[in-house]
């Protein structure tokens, strides 16, 4: 590779077997901890860079097989017999959609409950809301959490449930504005054959997840 040279790449060939991703390589299958189309794109780009630096494909696949991805991305907080609790830093529209799609595609036979905390200035801004259109369309249950106090501090207009439903283009979207109410709702759900995905650049106002972890581990 020469300075300034551009190399086109797509997504690394892979297959999903029982919730696990396997890269399809010239010498066989390589299981990797990460998953999702966006990660397979990043992975193939990384392979091209490593090859240009003189590494072999064998060296790359050996290393990538233990790569767990970036911090706070697809983090597993609890793993039950037929359910997983994921936490992800996703908050921008493109990242939100990529993360939701990745989890749903990885476990197509499971229900997906996805919770997105609107926490940043842009995400709480009504003018920015159309960017979130259809980002949660593949989820079985779509939930938005926001803290009215955070909205007030940012001197923005508090959006109601109907406004969010229009923006996300999701008529059954559920809005919570109190972390305790959200926690109680999530604890009341049946997690048999169901994954829960919590997405935020915040922390749901320090919501305690221990009881939720226990429920999912025993679901």
Protein backbone atom coordinates (compact mmCIF):
# COMPACT_ATOMS: atom_id res chain seq x y z
CA UNK A 1 0.00 0.00 0.00
CA UNK A 2 1.34 3.40 -0.96
CA UNK A 3 0.59 6.66 0.88
CA UNK A 4 -2.84 7.92 -0.10
CA UNK A 5 -3.82 4.66 -1.76
CA UNK A 6 -7.45 3.67 -1.35
CA UNK A 7 -8.58 0.07 -1.10
CA UNK A 8 -12.24 -0.78 -1.55
CA UNK A 9 -13.70 -3.37 0.80
CA UNK A 10 -17.07 -4.71 1.88
CA UNK A 11 -17.97 -7.09 4.69
CA UNK A 12 -16.02 -10.24 5.49
CA UNK A 13 -17.87 -13.42 4.46
CA UNK A 14 -19.37 -15.07 7.52
CA UNK A 15 -22.16 -17.27 8.76
CA UNK A 16 -24.20 -17.34 11.94
CA UNK A 17 -24.75 -20.67 13.68
CA UNK A 18 -26.83 -20.78 16.87
CA UNK A 19 -26.01 -17.20 17.80
CA UNK A 20 -22.28 -17.46 17.03
CA UNK A 21 -20.45 -15.81 14.12
CA UNK A 22 -17.91 -17.71 12.05
CA UNK A 23 -15.67 -16.06 9.47
CA UNK A 24 -15.44 -18.01 6.23
CA UNK A 25 -11.76 -18.08 5.29
CA UNK A 26 -9.65 -19.88 2.70
CA UNK A 27 -8.56 -22.42 5.31
CA UNK A 28 -11.83 -22.92 7.16
CA UNK A 29 -14.13 -21.25 9.67
CA UNK A 30 -12.93 -18.94 12.42
CA UNK A 31 -15.24 -18.16 15.33
CA UNK A 32 -15.18 -14.54 16.54
CA UNK A 33 -16.76 -12.93 19.64
CA UNK A 34 -18.12 -9.87 17.81
CA UNK A 35 -21.01 -9.83 15.37
CA UNK A 36 -23.05 -7.61 13.06
CA UNK A 37 -22.64 -6.41 9.48
CA UNK A 38 -20.89 -3.21 10.60
CA UNK A 39 -18.30 -5.22 12.54
CA UNK A 40 -17.71 -7.52 9.57
CA UNK A 41 -17.05 -4.42 7.46
CA UNK A 42 -14.59 -3.06 10.01
CA UNK A 43 -12.95 -6.46 10.27
CA UNK A 44 -12.33 -6.76 6.54
CA UNK A 45 -10.89 -3.25 6.49
CA UNK A 46 -8.58 -4.19 9.35
CA UNK A 47 -7.48 -7.29 7.45
CA UNK A 48 -6.50 -5.20 4.43
CA UNK A 49 -4.48 -2.84 6.62
CA UNK A 50 -2.70 -5.73 8.37
CA UNK A 51 -1.82 -7.38 5.06
CA UNK A 52 -0.39 -4.09 3.79
CA UNK A 53 1.79 -3.93 6.91
CA UNK A 54 3.25 -7.36 6.24
CA UNK A 55 1.18 -9.56 8.53
CA UNK A 56 -0.15 -12.85 7.23
CA UNK A 57 -3.80 -13.86 7.08
CA UNK A 58 -3.04 -16.61 9.56
CA UNK A 59 -1.68 -14.10 12.06
CA UNK A 60 -4.69 -11.86 11.58
CA UNK A 61 -7.28 -14.60 12.08
CA UNK A 62 -5.48 -15.92 15.15
CA UNK A 63 -5.58 -12.47 16.73
CA UNK A 64 -9.12 -11.57 15.67
CA UNK A 65 -10.55 -14.78 17.12
CA UNK A 66 -10.05 -13.36 20.62
CA UNK A 67 -10.89 -9.72 19.85
CA UNK A 68 -13.95 -8.74 21.89
CA UNK A 69 -14.48 -5.38 20.24
CA UNK A 70 -14.50 -1.85 21.59
CA UNK A 71 -15.42 -1.13 25.20
CA UNK A 72 -19.15 -0.70 25.88
CA UNK A 73 -20.10 -2.23 22.52
CA UNK A 74 -22.23 -5.40 22.50
CA UNK A 75 -21.32 -5.89 26.16
CA UNK A 76 -23.03 -8.93 27.67
CA UNK A 77 -24.23 -8.19 31.21
CA UNK A 78 -26.19 -11.40 31.71
CA UNK A 79 -26.58 -14.63 29.78
CA UNK A 80 -29.48 -16.99 30.43
CA UNK A 81 -30.61 -20.26 28.82
CA UNK A 82 -32.61 -18.44 26.14
CA UNK A 83 -31.96 -14.75 26.75
CA UNK A 84 -29.11 -12.25 26.86
CA UNK A 85 -28.87 -8.78 28.38
CA UNK A 86 -26.76 -6.53 26.17
CA UNK A 87 -25.48 -3.03 26.91
CA UNK A 88 -24.20 -0.83 24.12
CA UNK A 89 -22.90 2.74 23.87
CA UNK A 90 -24.96 3.35 20.71
CA UNK A 91 -26.77 6.68 20.68
CA UNK A 92 -26.28 8.26 17.23
CA UNK A 93 -28.96 7.16 14.72
CA UNK A 94 -26.60 5.17 12.48
CA UNK A 95 -25.03 3.37 15.45
CA UNK A 96 -28.42 2.69 16.98
CA UNK A 97 -29.73 1.08 13.81
CA UNK A 98 -26.55 -0.95 13.25
CA UNK A 99 -26.61 -2.28 16.81
CA UNK A 100 -30.30 -3.18 16.80
CA UNK A 101 -29.99 -4.92 13.43
CA UNK A 102 -26.88 -6.81 14.56
CA UNK A 103 -28.57 -8.28 17.64
CA UNK A 104 -31.75 -9.17 15.74
CA UNK A 105 -29.84 -10.81 12.89
CA UNK A 106 -27.65 -12.73 15.33
CA UNK A 107 -30.70 -14.16 17.11
CA UNK A 108 -33.54 -14.07 14.55
CA UNK A 109 -35.62 -16.58 16.48
CA UNK A 110 -35.69 -14.50 19.66
CA UNK A 111 -37.82 -11.51 20.55
CA UNK A 112 -35.85 -8.30 20.96
CA UNK A 113 -36.72 -5.65 23.53
CA UNK A 114 -34.62 -2.56 22.78
CA UNK A 115 -34.30 0.46 25.06
CA UNK A 116 -32.70 3.70 23.88
CA UNK A 117 -31.88 6.52 26.30
CA UNK A 118 -31.97 9.92 24.65
CA UNK A 119 -29.17 11.62 26.54
CA UNK A 120 -27.14 13.92 24.28
CA UNK A 121 -28.11 17.43 23.21
CA UNK A 122 -28.78 16.41 19.62
CA UNK A 123 -30.85 13.35 20.52
CA UNK A 124 -33.06 15.44 22.83
CA UNK A 125 -33.51 18.13 20.18
CA UNK A 126 -36.87 17.86 18.39
CA UNK A 127 -35.34 19.19 15.17
CA UNK A 128 -32.89 16.26 15.11
CA UNK A 129 -35.54 13.61 15.78
CA UNK A 130 -36.29 12.73 12.10
CA UNK A 131 -32.78 11.28 11.88
CA UNK A 132 -34.01 8.41 14.08
CA UNK A 133 -36.72 7.36 11.62
CA UNK A 134 -36.96 3.55 11.33
CA UNK A 135 -33.82 2.96 13.39
CA UNK A 136 -35.73 0.56 15.67
CA UNK A 137 -38.02 -1.02 13.09
CA UNK A 138 -36.68 -4.58 13.56
CA UNK A 139 -37.25 -4.64 17.32
CA UNK A 140 -40.27 -6.41 18.78
CA UNK A 141 -40.57 -3.86 21.58
CA UNK A 142 -39.16 -0.34 21.18
CA UNK A 143 -38.67 1.79 24.29
CA UNK A 144 -37.33 5.32 24.71
CA UNK A 145 -36.12 6.69 28.03
CA UNK A 146 -35.39 10.33 28.71
CA UNK A 147 -35.01 12.41 31.85
CA UNK A 148 -37.11 15.61 31.84
CA UNK A 149 -34.53 17.26 34.11
CA UNK A 150 -31.81 16.67 31.51
CA UNK A 151 -34.04 18.27 28.89
CA UNK A 152 -34.58 21.31 31.12
CA UNK A 153 -30.85 21.70 31.76
CA UNK A 154 -30.24 21.72 28.01
CA UNK A 155 -33.03 24.31 27.59
CA UNK A 156 -34.89 22.13 25.12
CA UNK A 157 -38.55 21.26 24.62
CA UNK A 158 -39.67 18.02 26.27
CA UNK A 159 -40.97 15.64 23.61
CA UNK A 160 -44.06 13.55 24.34
CA UNK A 161 -44.74 9.97 23.31
CA UNK A 162 -46.65 10.88 20.14
CA UNK A 163 -43.83 13.16 18.97
CA UNK A 164 -41.30 10.37 19.49
CA UNK A 165 -43.52 7.84 17.74
CA UNK A 166 -43.72 10.13 14.73
CA UNK A 167 -39.98 10.79 14.73
CA UNK A 168 -38.98 7.14 15.07
CA UNK A 169 -41.83 6.10 12.74
CA UNK A 170 -42.89 3.55 15.31
CA UNK A 171 -46.56 3.71 16.35
CA UNK A 172 -46.14 1.33 19.30
CA UNK A 173 -43.04 3.00 20.75
CA UNK A 174 -43.14 3.29 24.55
CA UNK A 175 -41.78 6.32 26.45
CA UNK A 176 -40.51 6.32 30.02
CA UNK A 177 -39.41 9.44 31.89
CA UNK A 178 -38.65 7.82 35.27
CA UNK A 179 -35.92 5.21 35.66
CA UNK A 180 -37.79 3.35 38.41
CA UNK A 181 -40.86 2.96 36.20
CA UNK A 182 -38.65 1.68 33.37
CA UNK A 183 -36.95 -0.79 35.69
CA UNK A 184 -40.29 -2.12 36.96
CA UNK A 185 -41.55 -2.53 33.39
CA UNK A 186 -38.45 -4.45 32.33
CA UNK A 187 -38.58 -6.69 35.40
CA UNK A 188 -42.20 -7.50 34.59
CA UNK A 189 -41.37 -8.87 31.13
CA UNK A 190 -41.09 -12.54 30.21
CA UNK A 191 -37.57 -13.17 28.90
CA UNK A 192 -38.11 -16.69 27.64
CA UNK A 193 -36.50 -16.71 24.18
CA UNK A 194 -36.07 -12.94 24.44
CA UNK A 195 -33.04 -10.64 24.34
CA UNK A 196 -32.86 -7.24 26.03
CA UNK A 197 -30.69 -4.49 24.54
CA UNK A 198 -29.93 -1.36 26.58
CA UNK A 199 -28.41 1.45 24.52
CA UNK A 200 -27.16 4.76 25.88
CA UNK A 201 -24.19 7.07 26.25
CA UNK A 202 -25.53 7.68 29.77
CA UNK A 203 -26.62 5.32 32.55
CA UNK A 204 -30.42 5.60 32.78
CA UNK A 205 -29.95 7.85 35.81
CA UNK A 206 -27.94 5.20 37.65
CA UNK A 207 -30.60 2.53 37.26
CA UNK A 208 -29.59 -0.60 39.21
CA UNK A 209 -29.41 -3.56 36.84
CA UNK A 210 -28.66 -6.35 39.32
CA UNK A 211 -32.24 -7.62 39.65
CA UNK A 212 -32.62 -7.51 35.87
CA UNK A 213 -29.42 -9.50 35.42
CA UNK A 214 -30.65 -12.15 37.83
CA UNK A 215 -34.01 -12.45 36.10
CA UNK A 216 -32.44 -12.90 32.67
CA UNK A 217 -29.88 -15.41 33.94
CA UNK A 218 -32.76 -17.50 35.26
CA UNK A 219 -35.20 -16.96 32.38
